[in-house]
Amino acid sequence: MNQDGNHIGYADAVERLERILAELEAEDVDVDLLAERVRTAVELIRICRERITAAEVEVARVVSDLDDEEPEGV
């Protein structure tokens, strides 16, 4: 979720994950913030997985609808 408590989009979640990863890979990582960053990363990964699953379901539905609309003999 973003600072307003609203859900963030997939691209924003990936961007935040990349920033967290860069922080964690830095030699001067703040150990006091490590657990917080990891918790945030886990939540962002969950959000990304949910978005991917929802997209897969939607694509399958659209393809199924398209198959249902095809005239016979095509």
PDB file of N, CA and C in Angstrom:
ATOM      1  N   MET A   1       0.839  -1.183   0.000  1.00  0.00           N
ATOM      2  CA  MET A   1       0.000   0.000   0.000  1.00  0.00           C
ATOM      3  C   MET A   1       0.880   1.241   0.000  1.00  0.00           C
ATOM      4  N   ASN A   2       0.348   2.302  -0.549  1.00  0.00           N
ATOM      5  CA  ASN A   2       1.120   3.534  -0.535  1.00  0.00           C
ATOM      6  C   ASN A   2       0.893   4.291   0.770  1.00  0.00           C
ATOM      7  N   GLN A   3       1.463   5.461   0.847  1.00  0.00           N
ATOM      8  CA  GLN A   3       1.393   6.222   2.100  1.00  0.00           C
ATOM      9  C   GLN A   3      -0.027   6.597   2.480  1.00  0.00           C
ATOM     10  N   ASP A   4      -0.929   6.686   1.501  1.00  0.00           N
ATOM     11  CA  ASP A   4      -2.321   7.032   1.788  1.00  0.00           C
ATOM     12  C   ASP A   4      -3.154   5.821   2.177  1.00  0.00           C
ATOM     13  N   GLY A   5      -2.546   4.631   2.166  1.00  0.00           N
ATOM     14  CA  GLY A   5      -3.274   3.418   2.488  1.00  0.00           C
ATOM     15  C   GLY A   5      -3.970   2.807   1.293  1.00  0.00           C
ATOM     16  N   ASN A   6      -3.767   3.391   0.115  1.00  0.00           N
ATOM     17  CA  ASN A   6      -4.367   2.864  -1.110  1.00  0.00           C
ATOM     18  C   ASN A   6      -3.457   1.806  -1.712  1.00  0.00           C
ATOM     19  N   HIS A   7      -4.060   0.912  -2.482  1.00  0.00           N
ATOM     20  CA  HIS A   7      -3.268  -0.108  -3.146  1.00  0.00           C
ATOM     21  C   HIS A   7      -2.434   0.537  -4.248  1.00  0.00           C
ATOM     22  N   ILE A   8      -1.215   0.028  -4.400  1.00  0.00           N
ATOM     23  CA  ILE A   8      -0.351   0.542  -5.454  1.00  0.00           C
ATOM     24  C   ILE A   8      -0.415  -0.407  -6.636  1.00  0.00           C
ATOM     25  N   GLY A   9      -0.039   0.084  -7.777  1.00  0.00           N
ATOM     26  CA  GLY A   9      -0.039  -0.720  -8.983  1.00  0.00           C
ATOM     27  C   GLY A   9       1.191  -1.612  -9.051  1.00  0.00           C
ATOM     28  N   TYR A  10       1.151  -2.521 -10.005  1.00  0.00           N
ATOM     29  CA  TYR A  10       2.239  -3.481 -10.193  1.00  0.00           C
ATOM     30  C   TYR A  10       3.565  -2.769 -10.464  1.00  0.00           C
ATOM     31  N   ALA A  11       3.569  -1.832 -11.396  1.00  0.00           N
ATOM     32  CA  ALA A  11       4.804  -1.144 -11.768  1.00  0.00           C
ATOM     33  C   ALA A  11       5.397  -0.394 -10.577  1.00  0.00           C
ATOM     34  N   ASP A  12       4.545   0.260  -9.791  1.00  0.00           N
ATOM     35  CA  ASP A  12       5.029   0.977  -8.607  1.00  0.00           C
ATOM     36  C   ASP A  12       5.595   0.012  -7.571  1.00  0.00           C
ATOM     37  N   ALA A  13       4.944  -1.135  -7.404  1.00  0.00           N
ATOM     38  CA  ALA A  13       5.428  -2.134  -6.447  1.00  0.00           C
ATOM     39  C   ALA A  13       6.789  -2.664  -6.866  1.00  0.00           C
ATOM     40  N   VAL A  14       6.951  -2.936  -8.158  1.00  0.00           N
ATOM     41  CA  VAL A  14       8.238  -3.430  -8.656  1.00  0.00           C
ATOM     42  C   VAL A  14       9.313  -2.370  -8.463  1.00  0.00           C
ATOM     43  N   GLU A  15       8.970  -1.133  -8.736  1.00  0.00           N
ATOM     44  CA  GLU A  15       9.933  -0.040  -8.563  1.00  0.00           C
ATOM     45  C   GLU A  15      10.383   0.061  -7.098  1.00  0.00           C
ATOM     46  N   ARG A  16       9.417  -0.029  -6.183  1.00  0.00           N
ATOM     47  CA  ARG A  16       9.768   0.026  -4.756  1.00  0.00           C
ATOM     48  C   ARG A  16      10.620  -1.172  -4.360  1.00  0.00           C
ATOM     49  N   LEU A  17      10.297  -2.349  -4.907  1.00  0.00           N
ATOM     50  CA  LEU A  17      11.108  -3.543  -4.630  1.00  0.00           C
ATOM     51  C   LEU A  17      12.544  -3.350  -5.102  1.00  0.00           C
ATOM     52  N   GLU A  18      12.703  -2.767  -6.264  1.00  0.00           N
ATOM     53  CA  GLU A  18      14.049  -2.524  -6.792  1.00  0.00           C
ATOM     54  C   GLU A  18      14.827  -1.560  -5.898  1.00  0.00           C
ATOM     55  N   ARG A  19      14.157  -0.538  -5.383  1.00  0.00           N
ATOM     56  CA  ARG A  19      14.834   0.409  -4.476  1.00  0.00           C
ATOM     57  C   ARG A  19      15.235  -0.281  -3.184  1.00  0.00           C
ATOM     58  N   ILE A  20      14.347  -1.119  -2.654  1.00  0.00           N
ATOM     59  CA  ILE A  20      14.660  -1.852  -1.418  1.00  0.00           C
ATOM     60  C   ILE A  20      15.834  -2.786  -1.653  1.00  0.00           C
ATOM     61  N   LEU A  21      15.832  -3.485  -2.782  1.00  0.00           N
ATOM     62  CA  LEU A  21      16.921  -4.393  -3.105  1.00  0.00           C
ATOM     63  C   LEU A  21      18.246  -3.636  -3.181  1.00  0.00           C
ATOM     64  N   ALA A  22      18.229  -2.478  -3.812  1.00  0.00           N
ATOM     65  CA  ALA A  22      19.446  -1.669  -3.901  1.00  0.00           C
ATOM     66  C   ALA A  22      19.936  -1.280  -2.507  1.00  0.00           C
ATOM     67  N   GLU A  23      19.005  -0.922  -1.630  1.00  0.00           N
ATOM     68  CA  GLU A  23      19.376  -0.577  -0.251  1.00  0.00           C
ATOM     69  C   GLU A  23      20.006  -1.771   0.454  1.00  0.00           C
ATOM     70  N   LEU A  24      19.386  -2.939   0.274  1.00  0.00           N
ATOM     71  CA  LEU A  24      19.869  -4.134   0.968  1.00  0.00           C
ATOM     72  C   LEU A  24      21.215  -4.609   0.427  1.00  0.00           C
ATOM     73  N   GLU A  25      21.477  -4.330  -0.837  1.00  0.00           N
ATOM     74  CA  GLU A  25      22.751  -4.724  -1.433  1.00  0.00           C
ATOM     75  C   GLU A  25      23.877  -3.755  -1.106  1.00  0.00           C
ATOM     76  N   ALA A  26      23.539  -2.582  -0.635  1.00  0.00           N
ATOM     77  CA  ALA A  26      24.551  -1.577  -0.299  1.00  0.00           C
ATOM     78  C   ALA A  26      25.393  -2.061   0.877  1.00  0.00           C
ATOM     79  N   GLU A  27      26.645  -1.721   0.841  1.00  0.00           N
ATOM     80  CA  GLU A  27      27.554  -2.137   1.910  1.00  0.00           C
ATOM     81  C   GLU A  27      27.226  -1.447   3.228  1.00  0.00           C
ATOM     82  N   ASP A  28      26.602  -0.302   3.165  1.00  0.00           N
ATOM     83  CA  ASP A  28      26.311   0.458   4.378  1.00  0.00           C
ATOM     84  C   ASP A  28      24.842   0.339   4.781  1.00  0.00           C
ATOM     85  N   VAL A  29      24.244  -0.852   4.578  1.00  0.00           N
ATOM     86  CA  VAL A  29      22.841  -1.058   4.913  1.00  0.00           C
ATOM     87  C   VAL A  29      22.623  -0.807   6.408  1.00  0.00           C
ATOM     88  N   ASP A  30      21.565  -0.091   6.732  1.00  0.00           N
ATOM     89  CA  ASP A  30      21.227   0.226   8.114  1.00  0.00           C
ATOM     90  C   ASP A  30      20.541  -1.000   8.730  1.00  0.00           C
ATOM     91  N   VAL A  31      21.228  -1.663   9.618  1.00  0.00           N
ATOM     92  CA  VAL A  31      20.722  -2.885  10.224  1.00  0.00           C
ATOM     93  C   VAL A  31      19.417  -2.629  10.977  1.00  0.00           C
ATOM     94  N   ASP A  32      19.259  -1.455  11.531  1.00  0.00           N
ATOM     95  CA  ASP A  32      18.040  -1.133  12.261  1.00  0.00           C
ATOM     96  C   ASP A  32      16.821  -1.105  11.344  1.00  0.00           C
ATOM     97  N   LEU A  33      17.020  -0.830  10.069  1.00  0.00           N
ATOM     98  CA  LEU A  33      15.914  -0.773   9.119  1.00  0.00           C
ATOM     99  C   LEU A  33      15.756  -2.063   8.323  1.00  0.00           C
ATOM    100  N   LEU A  34      16.671  -2.985   8.493  1.00  0.00           N
ATOM    101  CA  LEU A  34      16.675  -4.209   7.692  1.00  0.00           C
ATOM    102  C   LEU A  34      15.357  -4.981   7.788  1.00  0.00           C
ATOM    103  N   ALA A  35      14.900  -5.272   8.999  1.00  0.00           N
ATOM    104  CA  ALA A  35      13.665  -6.041   9.176  1.00  0.00           C
ATOM    105  C   ALA A  35      12.471  -5.308   8.568  1.00  0.00           C
ATOM    106  N   GLU A  36      12.417  -4.009   8.734  1.00  0.00           N
ATOM    107  CA  GLU A  36      11.327  -3.218   8.163  1.00  0.00           C
ATOM    108  C   GLU A  36      11.325  -3.307   6.639  1.00  0.00           C
ATOM    109  N   ARG A  37      12.505  -3.181   6.040  1.00  0.00           N
ATOM    110  CA  ARG A  37      12.611  -3.252   4.578  1.00  0.00           C
ATOM    111  C   ARG A  37      12.201  -4.636   4.067  1.00  0.00           C
ATOM    112  N   VAL A  38      12.615  -5.677   4.779  1.00  0.00           N
ATOM    113  CA  VAL A  38      12.262  -7.039   4.368  1.00  0.00           C
ATOM    114  C   VAL A  38      10.751  -7.237   4.476  1.00  0.00           C
ATOM    115  N   ARG A  39      10.120  -6.753   5.545  1.00  0.00           N
ATOM    116  CA  ARG A  39       8.662  -6.851   5.681  1.00  0.00           C
ATOM    117  C   ARG A  39       7.959  -6.120   4.533  1.00  0.00           C
ATOM    118  N   THR A  40       8.440  -4.942   4.218  1.00  0.00           N
ATOM    119  CA  THR A  40       7.865  -4.178   3.113  1.00  0.00           C
ATOM    120  C   THR A  40       8.029  -4.928   1.800  1.00  0.00           C
ATOM    121  N   ALA A  41       9.210  -5.503   1.584  1.00  0.00           N
ATOM    122  CA  ALA A  41       9.458  -6.260   0.352  1.00  0.00           C
ATOM    123  C   ALA A  41       8.518  -7.450   0.243  1.00  0.00           C
ATOM    124  N   VAL A  42       8.294  -8.144   1.343  1.00  0.00           N
ATOM    125  CA  VAL A  42       7.383  -9.291   1.334  1.00  0.00           C
ATOM    126  C   VAL A  42       5.972  -8.841   0.954  1.00  0.00           C
ATOM    127  N   GLU A  43       5.521  -7.739   1.491  1.00  0.00           N
ATOM    128  CA  GLU A  43       4.187  -7.215   1.159  1.00  0.00           C
ATOM    129  C   GLU A  43       4.114  -6.814  -0.318  1.00  0.00           C
ATOM    130  N   LEU A  44       5.161  -6.196  -0.820  1.00  0.00           N
ATOM    131  CA  LEU A  44       5.178  -5.799  -2.228  1.00  0.00           C
ATOM    132  C   LEU A  44       5.175  -7.019  -3.152  1.00  0.00           C
ATOM    133  N   ILE A  45       5.894  -8.053  -2.772  1.00  0.00           N
ATOM    134  CA  ILE A  45       5.895  -9.293  -3.552  1.00  0.00           C
ATOM    135  C   ILE A  45       4.501  -9.903  -3.562  1.00  0.00           C
ATOM    136  N   ARG A  46       3.827  -9.882  -2.418  1.00  0.00           N
ATOM    137  CA  ARG A  46       2.456 -10.393  -2.348  1.00  0.00           C
ATOM    138  C   ARG A  46       1.545  -9.608  -3.297  1.00  0.00           C
ATOM    139  N   ILE A  47       1.674  -8.298  -3.296  1.00  0.00           N
ATOM    140  CA  ILE A  47       0.873  -7.449  -4.179  1.00  0.00           C
ATOM    141  C   ILE A  47       1.147  -7.796  -5.644  1.00  0.00           C
ATOM    142  N   CYS A  48       2.414  -7.951  -5.997  1.00  0.00           N
ATOM    143  CA  CYS A  48       2.768  -8.279  -7.382  1.00  0.00           C
ATOM    144  C   CYS A  48       2.179  -9.624  -7.786  1.00  0.00           C
ATOM    145  N   ARG A  49       2.268 -10.610  -6.909  1.00  0.00           N
ATOM    146  CA  ARG A  49       1.704 -11.931  -7.219  1.00  0.00           C
ATOM    147  C   ARG A  49       0.194 -11.849  -7.421  1.00  0.00           C
ATOM    148  N   GLU A  50      -0.478 -11.078  -6.578  1.00  0.00           N
ATOM    149  CA  GLU A  50      -1.927 -10.914  -6.725  1.00  0.00           C
ATOM    150  C   GLU A  50      -2.274 -10.266  -8.058  1.00  0.00           C
ATOM    151  N   ARG A  51      -1.502  -9.243  -8.444  1.00  0.00           N
ATOM    152  CA  ARG A  51      -1.763  -8.555  -9.713  1.00  0.00           C
ATOM    153  C   ARG A  51      -1.535  -9.504 -10.892  1.00  0.00           C
ATOM    154  N   ILE A  52      -0.477 -10.316 -10.822  1.00  0.00           N
ATOM    155  CA  ILE A  52      -0.180 -11.260 -11.899  1.00  0.00           C
ATOM    156  C   ILE A  52      -1.290 -12.303 -11.997  1.00  0.00           C
ATOM    157  N   THR A  53      -1.729 -12.826 -10.864  1.00  0.00           N
ATOM    158  CA  THR A  53      -2.797 -13.821 -10.863  1.00  0.00           C
ATOM    159  C   THR A  53      -4.079 -13.230 -11.431  1.00  0.00           C
ATOM    160  N   ALA A  54      -4.419 -12.018 -11.034  1.00  0.00           N
ATOM    161  CA  ALA A  54      -5.622 -11.362 -11.543  1.00  0.00           C
ATOM    162  C   ALA A  54      -5.524 -11.147 -13.055  1.00  0.00           C
ATOM    163  N   ALA A  55      -4.336 -10.770 -13.525  1.00  0.00           N
ATOM    164  CA  ALA A  55      -4.147 -10.563 -14.960  1.00  0.00           C
ATOM    165  C   ALA A  55      -4.288 -11.882 -15.714  1.00  0.00           C
ATOM    166  N   GLU A  56      -3.739 -12.965 -15.167  1.00  0.00           N
ATOM    167  CA  GLU A  56      -3.853 -14.277 -15.809  1.00  0.00           C
ATOM    168  C   GLU A  56      -5.320 -14.696 -15.926  1.00  0.00           C
ATOM    169  N   VAL A  57      -6.080 -14.490 -14.874  1.00  0.00           N
ATOM    170  CA  VAL A  57      -7.503 -14.843 -14.880  1.00  0.00           C
ATOM    171  C   VAL A  57      -8.242 -14.007 -15.916  1.00  0.00           C
ATOM    172  N   GLU A  58      -7.953 -12.725 -15.969  1.00  0.00           N
ATOM    173  CA  GLU A  58      -8.619 -11.835 -16.922  1.00  0.00           C
ATOM    174  C   GLU A  58      -8.266 -12.216 -18.360  1.00  0.00           C
ATOM    175  N   VAL A  59      -7.001 -12.494 -18.624  1.00  0.00           N
ATOM    176  CA  VAL A  59      -6.594 -12.888 -19.972  1.00  0.00           C
ATOM    177  C   VAL A  59      -7.284 -14.191 -20.367  1.00  0.00           C
ATOM    178  N   ALA A  60      -7.327 -15.159 -19.458  1.00  0.00           N
ATOM    179  CA  ALA A  60      -7.997 -16.432 -19.749  1.00  0.00           C
ATOM    180  C   ALA A  60      -9.477 -16.200 -20.051  1.00  0.00           C
ATOM    181  N   ARG A  61     -10.117 -15.298 -19.307  1.00  0.00           N
ATOM    182  CA  ARG A  61     -11.527 -14.996 -19.537  1.00  0.00           C
ATOM    183  C   ARG A  61     -11.734 -14.363 -20.902  1.00  0.00           C
ATOM    184  N   VAL A  62     -10.878 -13.412 -21.254  1.00  0.00           N
ATOM    185  CA  VAL A  62     -10.994 -12.720 -22.534  1.00  0.00           C
ATOM    186  C   VAL A  62     -10.780 -13.706 -23.687  1.00  0.00           C
ATOM    187  N   VAL A  63      -9.779 -14.556 -23.577  1.00  0.00           N
ATOM    188  CA  VAL A  63      -9.518 -15.546 -24.622  1.00  0.00           C
ATOM    189  C   VAL A  63     -10.689 -16.513 -24.733  1.00  0.00           C
ATOM    190  N   SER A  64     -11.229 -16.931 -23.610  1.00  0.00           N
ATOM    191  CA  SER A  64     -12.380 -17.830 -23.617  1.00  0.00           C
ATOM    192  C   SER A  64     -13.582 -17.166 -24.273  1.00  0.00           C
ATOM    193  N   ASP A  65     -13.812 -15.900 -23.959  1.00  0.00           N
ATOM    194  CA  ASP A  65     -14.908 -15.157 -24.577  1.00  0.00           C
ATOM    195  C   ASP A  65     -14.695 -15.047 -26.086  1.00  0.00           C
ATOM    196  N   LEU A  66     -13.459 -14.828 -26.493  1.00  0.00           N
ATOM    197  CA  LEU A  66     -13.139 -14.721 -27.908  1.00  0.00           C
ATOM    198  C   LEU A  66     -13.382 -16.055 -28.605  1.00  0.00           C
ATOM    199  N   ASP A  67     -12.981 -17.151 -27.970  1.00  0.00           N
ATOM    200  CA  ASP A  67     -13.205 -18.477 -28.543  1.00  0.00           C
ATOM    201  C   ASP A  67     -14.697 -18.747 -28.692  1.00  0.00           C
ATOM    202  N   ASP A  68     -15.490 -18.302 -27.724  1.00  0.00           N
ATOM    203  CA  ASP A  68     -16.930 -18.502 -27.764  1.00  0.00           C
ATOM    204  C   ASP A  68     -17.590 -17.709 -28.901  1.00  0.00           C
ATOM    205  N   GLU A  69     -16.982 -16.621 -29.297  1.00  0.00           N
ATOM    206  CA  GLU A  69     -17.535 -15.753 -30.333  1.00  0.00           C
ATOM    207  C   GLU A  69     -17.156 -16.194 -31.737  1.00  0.00           C
ATOM    208  N   GLU A  70     -16.154 -17.065 -31.899  1.00  0.00           N
ATOM    209  CA  GLU A  70     -15.707 -17.496 -33.209  1.00  0.00           C
ATOM    210  C   GLU A  70     -16.804 -18.244 -33.942  1.00  0.00           C
ATOM    211  N   PRO A  71     -17.063 -17.853 -35.174  1.00  0.00           N
ATOM    212  CA  PRO A  71     -18.059 -18.591 -35.939  1.00  0.00           C
ATOM    213  C   PRO A  71     -17.528 -19.990 -36.281  1.00  0.00           C
ATOM    214  N   GLU A  72     -18.425 -20.910 -36.414  1.00  0.00           N
ATOM    215  CA  GLU A  72     -18.008 -22.272 -36.732  1.00  0.00           C
ATOM    216  C   GLU A  72     -17.399 -22.317 -38.118  1.00  0.00           C
ATOM    217  N   GLY A  73     -16.421 -23.210 -38.286  1.00  0.00           N
ATOM    218  CA  GLY A  73     -15.754 -23.359 -39.560  1.00  0.00           C
ATOM    219  C   GLY A  73     -14.570 -22.447 -39.743  1.00  0.00           C
ATOM    220  N   VAL A  74     -14.221 -21.685 -38.736  1.00  0.00           N
ATOM    221  CA  VAL A  74     -13.072 -20.775 -38.842  1.00  0.00           C
ATOM    222  C   VAL A  74     -11.880 -21.426 -38.239  1.00  0.00           C
TER     223      VAL A  74
END
